[in-house]
Amino acid sequence: MGIIEAIQEERIRQATERVTKKVTKEVTQKVMNEFIQESCQKLFNKGFSAESIAEMLDYPIDTVKKFIS
């Protein structure tokens, strides 16, 4: 393998690593948001107030209200 091929392979490896990290972060955030939304709805259905849910989950009250409406 020549120097050009080695450099190309390293650039491809680095680009792949960057994309993998970005996608992993985005997917993790989406899953967490869905989990929080479901949790808010379940807690609300069990009789907890939006304020209590926001405090328990340490989440903004406005967001919790959107999740339970």
PDB file of N, CA and C in Angstrom:
ATOM      1  N   MET A   1       0.857  -1.172   0.000  1.00  0.00           N
ATOM      2  CA  MET A   1       0.000   0.000   0.000  1.00  0.00           C
ATOM      3  C   MET A   1       0.896   1.225   0.000  1.00  0.00           C
ATOM      4  N   GLY A   2       0.577   2.146  -0.889  1.00  0.00           N
ATOM      5  CA  GLY A   2       1.355   3.365  -0.981  1.00  0.00           C
ATOM      6  C   GLY A   2       0.876   4.408   0.016  1.00  0.00           C
ATOM      7  N   ILE A   3       1.610   5.491   0.077  1.00  0.00           N
ATOM      8  CA  ILE A   3       1.302   6.570   1.020  1.00  0.00           C
ATOM      9  C   ILE A   3      -0.054   7.210   0.714  1.00  0.00           C
ATOM     10  N   ILE A   4      -0.366   7.363  -0.563  1.00  0.00           N
ATOM     11  CA  ILE A   4      -1.642   7.964  -0.968  1.00  0.00           C
ATOM     12  C   ILE A   4      -2.806   7.098  -0.481  1.00  0.00           C
ATOM     13  N   GLU A   5      -2.702   5.798  -0.688  1.00  0.00           N
ATOM     14  CA  GLU A   5      -3.759   4.888  -0.247  1.00  0.00           C
ATOM     15  C   GLU A   5      -3.901   4.899   1.269  1.00  0.00           C
ATOM     16  N   ALA A   6      -2.767   4.966   1.971  1.00  0.00           N
ATOM     17  CA  ALA A   6      -2.798   4.992   3.436  1.00  0.00           C
ATOM     18  C   ALA A   6      -3.482   6.258   3.945  1.00  0.00           C
ATOM     19  N   ILE A   7      -3.188   7.370   3.311  1.00  0.00           N
ATOM     20  CA  ILE A   7      -3.820   8.637   3.693  1.00  0.00           C
ATOM     21  C   ILE A   7      -5.319   8.582   3.411  1.00  0.00           C
ATOM     22  N   GLN A   8      -5.696   8.050   2.256  1.00  0.00           N
ATOM     23  CA  GLN A   8      -7.109   7.931   1.910  1.00  0.00           C
ATOM     24  C   GLN A   8      -7.849   7.037   2.902  1.00  0.00           C
ATOM     25  N   GLU A   9      -7.236   5.929   3.256  1.00  0.00           N
ATOM     26  CA  GLU A   9      -7.860   5.019   4.218  1.00  0.00           C
ATOM     27  C   GLU A   9      -8.035   5.694   5.585  1.00  0.00           C
ATOM     28  N   GLU A  10      -7.043   6.452   6.002  1.00  0.00           N
ATOM     29  CA  GLU A  10      -7.128   7.149   7.288  1.00  0.00           C
ATOM     30  C   GLU A  10      -8.226   8.209   7.249  1.00  0.00           C
ATOM     31  N   ARG A  11      -8.341   8.928   6.158  1.00  0.00           N
ATOM     32  CA  ARG A  11      -9.409   9.932   6.029  1.00  0.00           C
ATOM     33  C   ARG A  11     -10.781   9.274   6.051  1.00  0.00           C
ATOM     34  N   ILE A  12     -10.912   8.159   5.377  1.00  0.00           N
ATOM     35  CA  ILE A  12     -12.176   7.420   5.376  1.00  0.00           C
ATOM     36  C   ILE A  12     -12.492   6.931   6.787  1.00  0.00           C
ATOM     37  N   ARG A  13     -11.507   6.408   7.499  1.00  0.00           N
ATOM     38  CA  ARG A  13     -11.701   5.930   8.862  1.00  0.00           C
ATOM     39  C   ARG A  13     -12.153   7.070   9.763  1.00  0.00           C
ATOM     40  N   GLN A  14     -11.511   8.225   9.647  1.00  0.00           N
ATOM     41  CA  GLN A  14     -11.861   9.379  10.477  1.00  0.00           C
ATOM     42  C   GLN A  14     -13.271   9.891  10.156  1.00  0.00           C
ATOM     43  N   ALA A  15     -13.590   9.949   8.880  1.00  0.00           N
ATOM     44  CA  ALA A  15     -14.920  10.409   8.477  1.00  0.00           C
ATOM     45  C   ALA A  15     -15.995   9.445   8.983  1.00  0.00           C
ATOM     46  N   THR A  16     -15.729   8.166   8.860  1.00  0.00           N
ATOM     47  CA  THR A  16     -16.664   7.157   9.350  1.00  0.00           C
ATOM     48  C   THR A  16     -16.868   7.287  10.856  1.00  0.00           C
ATOM     49  N   GLU A  17     -15.807   7.528  11.571  1.00  0.00           N
ATOM     50  CA  GLU A  17     -15.881   7.691  13.028  1.00  0.00           C
ATOM     51  C   GLU A  17     -16.719   8.926  13.399  1.00  0.00           C
ATOM     52  N   ARG A  18     -16.499  10.034  12.685  1.00  0.00           N
ATOM     53  CA  ARG A  18     -17.267  11.261  12.953  1.00  0.00           C
ATOM     54  C   ARG A  18     -18.758  11.051  12.694  1.00  0.00           C
ATOM     55  N   VAL A  19     -19.068  10.424  11.582  1.00  0.00           N
ATOM     56  CA  VAL A  19     -20.467  10.192  11.222  1.00  0.00           C
ATOM     57  C   VAL A  19     -21.119   9.239  12.236  1.00  0.00           C
ATOM     58  N   THR A  20     -20.407   8.213  12.618  1.00  0.00           N
ATOM     59  CA  THR A  20     -20.930   7.251  13.594  1.00  0.00           C
ATOM     60  C   THR A  20     -21.235   7.941  14.918  1.00  0.00           C
ATOM     61  N   LYS A  21     -20.340   8.785  15.384  1.00  0.00           N
ATOM     62  CA  LYS A  21     -20.563   9.504  16.641  1.00  0.00           C
ATOM     63  C   LYS A  21     -21.772  10.424  16.532  1.00  0.00           C
ATOM     64  N   LYS A  22     -21.885  11.129  15.423  1.00  0.00           N
ATOM     65  CA  LYS A  22     -23.002  12.063  15.231  1.00  0.00           C
ATOM     66  C   LYS A  22     -24.332  11.319  15.210  1.00  0.00           C
ATOM     67  N   VAL A  23     -24.401  10.248  14.448  1.00  0.00           N
ATOM     68  CA  VAL A  23     -25.634   9.480  14.334  1.00  0.00           C
ATOM     69  C   VAL A  23     -25.990   8.851  15.681  1.00  0.00           C
ATOM     70  N   THR A  24     -25.004   8.327  16.379  1.00  0.00           N
ATOM     71  CA  THR A  24     -25.239   7.738  17.695  1.00  0.00           C
ATOM     72  C   THR A  24     -25.806   8.775  18.653  1.00  0.00           C
ATOM     73  N   LYS A  25     -25.253   9.973  18.639  1.00  0.00           N
ATOM     74  CA  LYS A  25     -25.733  11.045  19.506  1.00  0.00           C
ATOM     75  C   LYS A  25     -27.175  11.416  19.161  1.00  0.00           C
ATOM     76  N   GLU A  26     -27.474  11.551  17.878  1.00  0.00           N
ATOM     77  CA  GLU A  26     -28.817  11.924  17.441  1.00  0.00           C
ATOM     78  C   GLU A  26     -29.842  10.855  17.812  1.00  0.00           C
ATOM     79  N   VAL A  27     -29.499   9.603  17.593  1.00  0.00           N
ATOM     80  CA  VAL A  27     -30.422   8.510  17.911  1.00  0.00           C
ATOM     81  C   VAL A  27     -30.643   8.421  19.418  1.00  0.00           C
ATOM     82  N   THR A  28     -29.571   8.556  20.181  1.00  0.00           N
ATOM     83  CA  THR A  28     -29.684   8.515  21.642  1.00  0.00           C
ATOM     84  C   THR A  28     -30.598   9.632  22.130  1.00  0.00           C
ATOM     85  N   GLN A  29     -30.429  10.832  21.598  1.00  0.00           N
ATOM     86  CA  GLN A  29     -31.262  11.962  21.996  1.00  0.00           C
ATOM     87  C   GLN A  29     -32.727  11.713  21.647  1.00  0.00           C
ATOM     88  N   LYS A  30     -32.979  11.171  20.468  1.00  0.00           N
ATOM     89  CA  LYS A  30     -34.348  10.895  20.060  1.00  0.00           C
ATOM     90  C   LYS A  30     -34.992   9.855  20.974  1.00  0.00           C
ATOM     91  N   VAL A  31     -34.272   8.807  21.286  1.00  0.00           N
ATOM     92  CA  VAL A  31     -34.802   7.759  22.162  1.00  0.00           C
ATOM     93  C   VAL A  31     -35.074   8.320  23.553  1.00  0.00           C
ATOM     94  N   MET A  32     -34.168   9.136  24.061  1.00  0.00           N
ATOM     95  CA  MET A  32     -34.364   9.732  25.385  1.00  0.00           C
ATOM     96  C   MET A  32     -35.582  10.649  25.395  1.00  0.00           C
ATOM     97  N   ASN A  33     -35.754  11.448  24.363  1.00  0.00           N
ATOM     98  CA  ASN A  33     -36.918  12.329  24.273  1.00  0.00           C
ATOM     99  C   ASN A  33     -38.219  11.525  24.254  1.00  0.00           C
ATOM    100  N   GLU A  34     -38.231  10.439  23.497  1.00  0.00           N
ATOM    101  CA  GLU A  34     -39.418   9.586  23.440  1.00  0.00           C
ATOM    102  C   GLU A  34     -39.687   8.955  24.808  1.00  0.00           C
ATOM    103  N   PHE A  35     -38.632   8.539  25.491  1.00  0.00           N
ATOM    104  CA  PHE A  35     -38.780   7.940  26.816  1.00  0.00           C
ATOM    105  C   PHE A  35     -39.342   8.960  27.805  1.00  0.00           C
ATOM    106  N   ILE A  36     -38.798  10.177  27.785  1.00  0.00           N
ATOM    107  CA  ILE A  36     -39.283  11.233  28.684  1.00  0.00           C
ATOM    108  C   ILE A  36     -40.744  11.545  28.381  1.00  0.00           C
ATOM    109  N   GLN A  37     -41.083  11.639  27.103  1.00  0.00           N
ATOM    110  CA  GLN A  37     -42.462  11.944  26.721  1.00  0.00           C
ATOM    111  C   GLN A  37     -43.402  10.848  27.223  1.00  0.00           C
ATOM    112  N   GLU A  38     -43.053   9.597  27.010  1.00  0.00           N
ATOM    113  CA  GLU A  38     -43.885   8.487  27.477  1.00  0.00           C
ATOM    114  C   GLU A  38     -43.989   8.487  28.998  1.00  0.00           C
ATOM    115  N   SER A  39     -42.888   8.764  29.661  1.00  0.00           N
ATOM    116  CA  SER A  39     -42.887   8.798  31.125  1.00  0.00           C
ATOM    117  C   SER A  39     -43.799   9.906  31.642  1.00  0.00           C
ATOM    118  N   CYS A  40     -43.734  11.069  31.024  1.00  0.00           N
ATOM    119  CA  CYS A  40     -44.607  12.173  31.423  1.00  0.00           C
ATOM    120  C   CYS A  40     -46.069  11.774  31.276  1.00  0.00           C
ATOM    121  N   GLN A  41     -46.404  11.174  30.167  1.00  0.00           N
ATOM    122  CA  GLN A  41     -47.790  10.787  29.919  1.00  0.00           C
ATOM    123  C   GLN A  41     -48.246   9.741  30.932  1.00  0.00           C
ATOM    124  N   LYS A  42     -47.414   8.751  31.214  1.00  0.00           N
ATOM    125  CA  LYS A  42     -47.774   7.710  32.178  1.00  0.00           C
ATOM    126  C   LYS A  42     -47.969   8.299  33.578  1.00  0.00           C
ATOM    127  N   LEU A  43     -47.054   9.170  33.986  1.00  0.00           N
ATOM    128  CA  LEU A  43     -47.173   9.789  35.303  1.00  0.00           C
ATOM    129  C   LEU A  43     -48.427  10.657  35.389  1.00  0.00           C
ATOM    130  N   PHE A  44     -48.713  11.389  34.334  1.00  0.00           N
ATOM    131  CA  PHE A  44     -49.910  12.229  34.299  1.00  0.00           C
ATOM    132  C   PHE A  44     -51.167  11.367  34.393  1.00  0.00           C
ATOM    133  N   ASN A  45     -51.178  10.257  33.682  1.00  0.00           N
ATOM    134  CA  ASN A  45     -52.320   9.346  33.708  1.00  0.00           C
ATOM    135  C   ASN A  45     -52.511   8.715  35.092  1.00  0.00           C
ATOM    136  N   LYS A  46     -51.450   8.657  35.873  1.00  0.00           N
ATOM    137  CA  LYS A  46     -51.540   8.106  37.231  1.00  0.00           C
ATOM    138  C   LYS A  46     -51.919   9.170  38.253  1.00  0.00           C
ATOM    139  N   GLY A  47     -52.118  10.402  37.780  1.00  0.00           N
ATOM    140  CA  GLY A  47     -52.616  11.431  38.666  1.00  0.00           C
ATOM    141  C   GLY A  47     -51.607  12.479  39.114  1.00  0.00           C
ATOM    142  N   PHE A  48     -50.388  12.399  38.618  1.00  0.00           N
ATOM    143  CA  PHE A  48     -49.388  13.405  38.973  1.00  0.00           C
ATOM    144  C   PHE A  48     -49.640  14.687  38.177  1.00  0.00           C
ATOM    145  N   SER A  49     -49.397  15.809  38.797  1.00  0.00           N
ATOM    146  CA  SER A  49     -49.560  17.094  38.108  1.00  0.00           C
ATOM    147  C   SER A  49     -48.355  17.355  37.205  1.00  0.00           C
ATOM    148  N   ALA A  50     -48.552  18.256  36.266  1.00  0.00           N
ATOM    149  CA  ALA A  50     -47.454  18.633  35.366  1.00  0.00           C
ATOM    150  C   ALA A  50     -46.282  19.189  36.165  1.00  0.00           C
ATOM    151  N   GLU A  51     -46.582  19.966  37.186  1.00  0.00           N
ATOM    152  CA  GLU A  51     -45.534  20.563  38.024  1.00  0.00           C
ATOM    153  C   GLU A  51     -44.741  19.484  38.756  1.00  0.00           C
ATOM    154  N   SER A  52     -45.447  18.473  39.288  1.00  0.00           N
ATOM    155  CA  SER A  52     -44.771  17.379  39.989  1.00  0.00           C
ATOM    156  C   SER A  52     -43.879  16.587  39.034  1.00  0.00           C
ATOM    157  N   ILE A  53     -44.409  16.334  37.865  1.00  0.00           N
ATOM    158  CA  ILE A  53     -43.644  15.571  36.870  1.00  0.00           C
ATOM    159  C   ILE A  53     -42.387  16.335  36.478  1.00  0.00           C
ATOM    160  N   ALA A  54     -42.534  17.619  36.218  1.00  0.00           N
ATOM    161  CA  ALA A  54     -41.380  18.439  35.832  1.00  0.00           C
ATOM    162  C   ALA A  54     -40.330  18.429  36.933  1.00  0.00           C
ATOM    163  N   GLU A  55     -40.775  18.514  38.164  1.00  0.00           N
ATOM    164  CA  GLU A  55     -39.838  18.505  39.284  1.00  0.00           C
ATOM    165  C   GLU A  55     -39.154  17.143  39.428  1.00  0.00           C
ATOM    166  N   MET A  56     -39.940  16.066  39.346  1.00  0.00           N
ATOM    167  CA  MET A  56     -39.371  14.718  39.489  1.00  0.00           C
ATOM    168  C   MET A  56     -38.352  14.408  38.400  1.00  0.00           C
ATOM    169  N   LEU A  57     -38.680  14.793  37.172  1.00  0.00           N
ATOM    170  CA  LEU A  57     -37.819  14.464  36.031  1.00  0.00           C
ATOM    171  C   LEU A  57     -36.785  15.542  35.736  1.00  0.00           C
ATOM    172  N   ASP A  58     -36.874  16.647  36.484  1.00  0.00           N
ATOM    173  CA  ASP A  58     -35.967  17.780  36.268  1.00  0.00           C
ATOM    174  C   ASP A  58     -36.021  18.211  34.799  1.00  0.00           C
ATOM    175  N   TYR A  59     -37.254  18.468  34.362  1.00  0.00           N
ATOM    176  CA  TYR A  59     -37.513  18.826  32.972  1.00  0.00           C
ATOM    177  C   TYR A  59     -38.322  20.109  32.959  1.00  0.00           C
ATOM    178  N   PRO A  60     -38.198  20.940  31.947  1.00  0.00           N
ATOM    179  CA  PRO A  60     -38.945  22.208  31.899  1.00  0.00           C
ATOM    180  C   PRO A  60     -40.459  21.973  31.922  1.00  0.00           C
ATOM    181  N   ILE A  61     -41.159  22.746  32.711  1.00  0.00           N
ATOM    182  CA  ILE A  61     -42.605  22.611  32.862  1.00  0.00           C
ATOM    183  C   ILE A  61     -43.331  22.784  31.531  1.00  0.00           C
ATOM    184  N   ASP A  62     -42.882  23.707  30.707  1.00  0.00           N
ATOM    185  CA  ASP A  62     -43.529  23.938  29.405  1.00  0.00           C
ATOM    186  C   ASP A  62     -43.452  22.688  28.532  1.00  0.00           C
ATOM    187  N   THR A  63     -42.312  22.025  28.558  1.00  0.00           N
ATOM    188  CA  THR A  63     -42.132  20.802  27.764  1.00  0.00           C
ATOM    189  C   THR A  63     -43.014  19.687  28.299  1.00  0.00           C
ATOM    190  N   VAL A  64     -43.075  19.552  29.619  1.00  0.00           N
ATOM    191  CA  VAL A  64     -43.911  18.521  30.223  1.00  0.00           C
ATOM    192  C   VAL A  64     -45.373  18.766  29.842  1.00  0.00           C
ATOM    193  N   LYS A  65     -45.800  19.999  29.877  1.00  0.00           N
ATOM    194  CA  LYS A  65     -47.191  20.315  29.507  1.00  0.00           C
ATOM    195  C   LYS A  65     -47.476  19.943  28.053  1.00  0.00           C
ATOM    196  N   LYS A  66     -46.524  20.148  27.177  1.00  0.00           N
ATOM    197  CA  LYS A  66     -46.708  19.752  25.774  1.00  0.00           C
ATOM    198  C   LYS A  66     -46.824  18.238  25.657  1.00  0.00           C
ATOM    199  N   PHE A  67     -46.007  17.533  26.450  1.00  0.00           N
ATOM    200  CA  PHE A  67     -46.009  16.073  26.384  1.00  0.00           C
ATOM    201  C   PHE A  67     -47.311  15.466  26.875  1.00  0.00           C
ATOM    202  N   ILE A  68     -47.972  16.112  27.817  1.00  0.00           N
ATOM    203  CA  ILE A  68     -49.175  15.516  28.409  1.00  0.00           C
ATOM    204  C   ILE A  68     -50.463  16.025  27.757  1.00  0.00           C
ATOM    205  N   SER A  69     -50.351  16.954  26.843  1.00  0.00           N
ATOM    206  CA  SER A  69     -51.577  17.480  26.226  1.00  0.00           C
ATOM    207  C   SER A  69     -51.957  16.688  24.994  1.00  0.00           C
TER     208      SER A  69
END
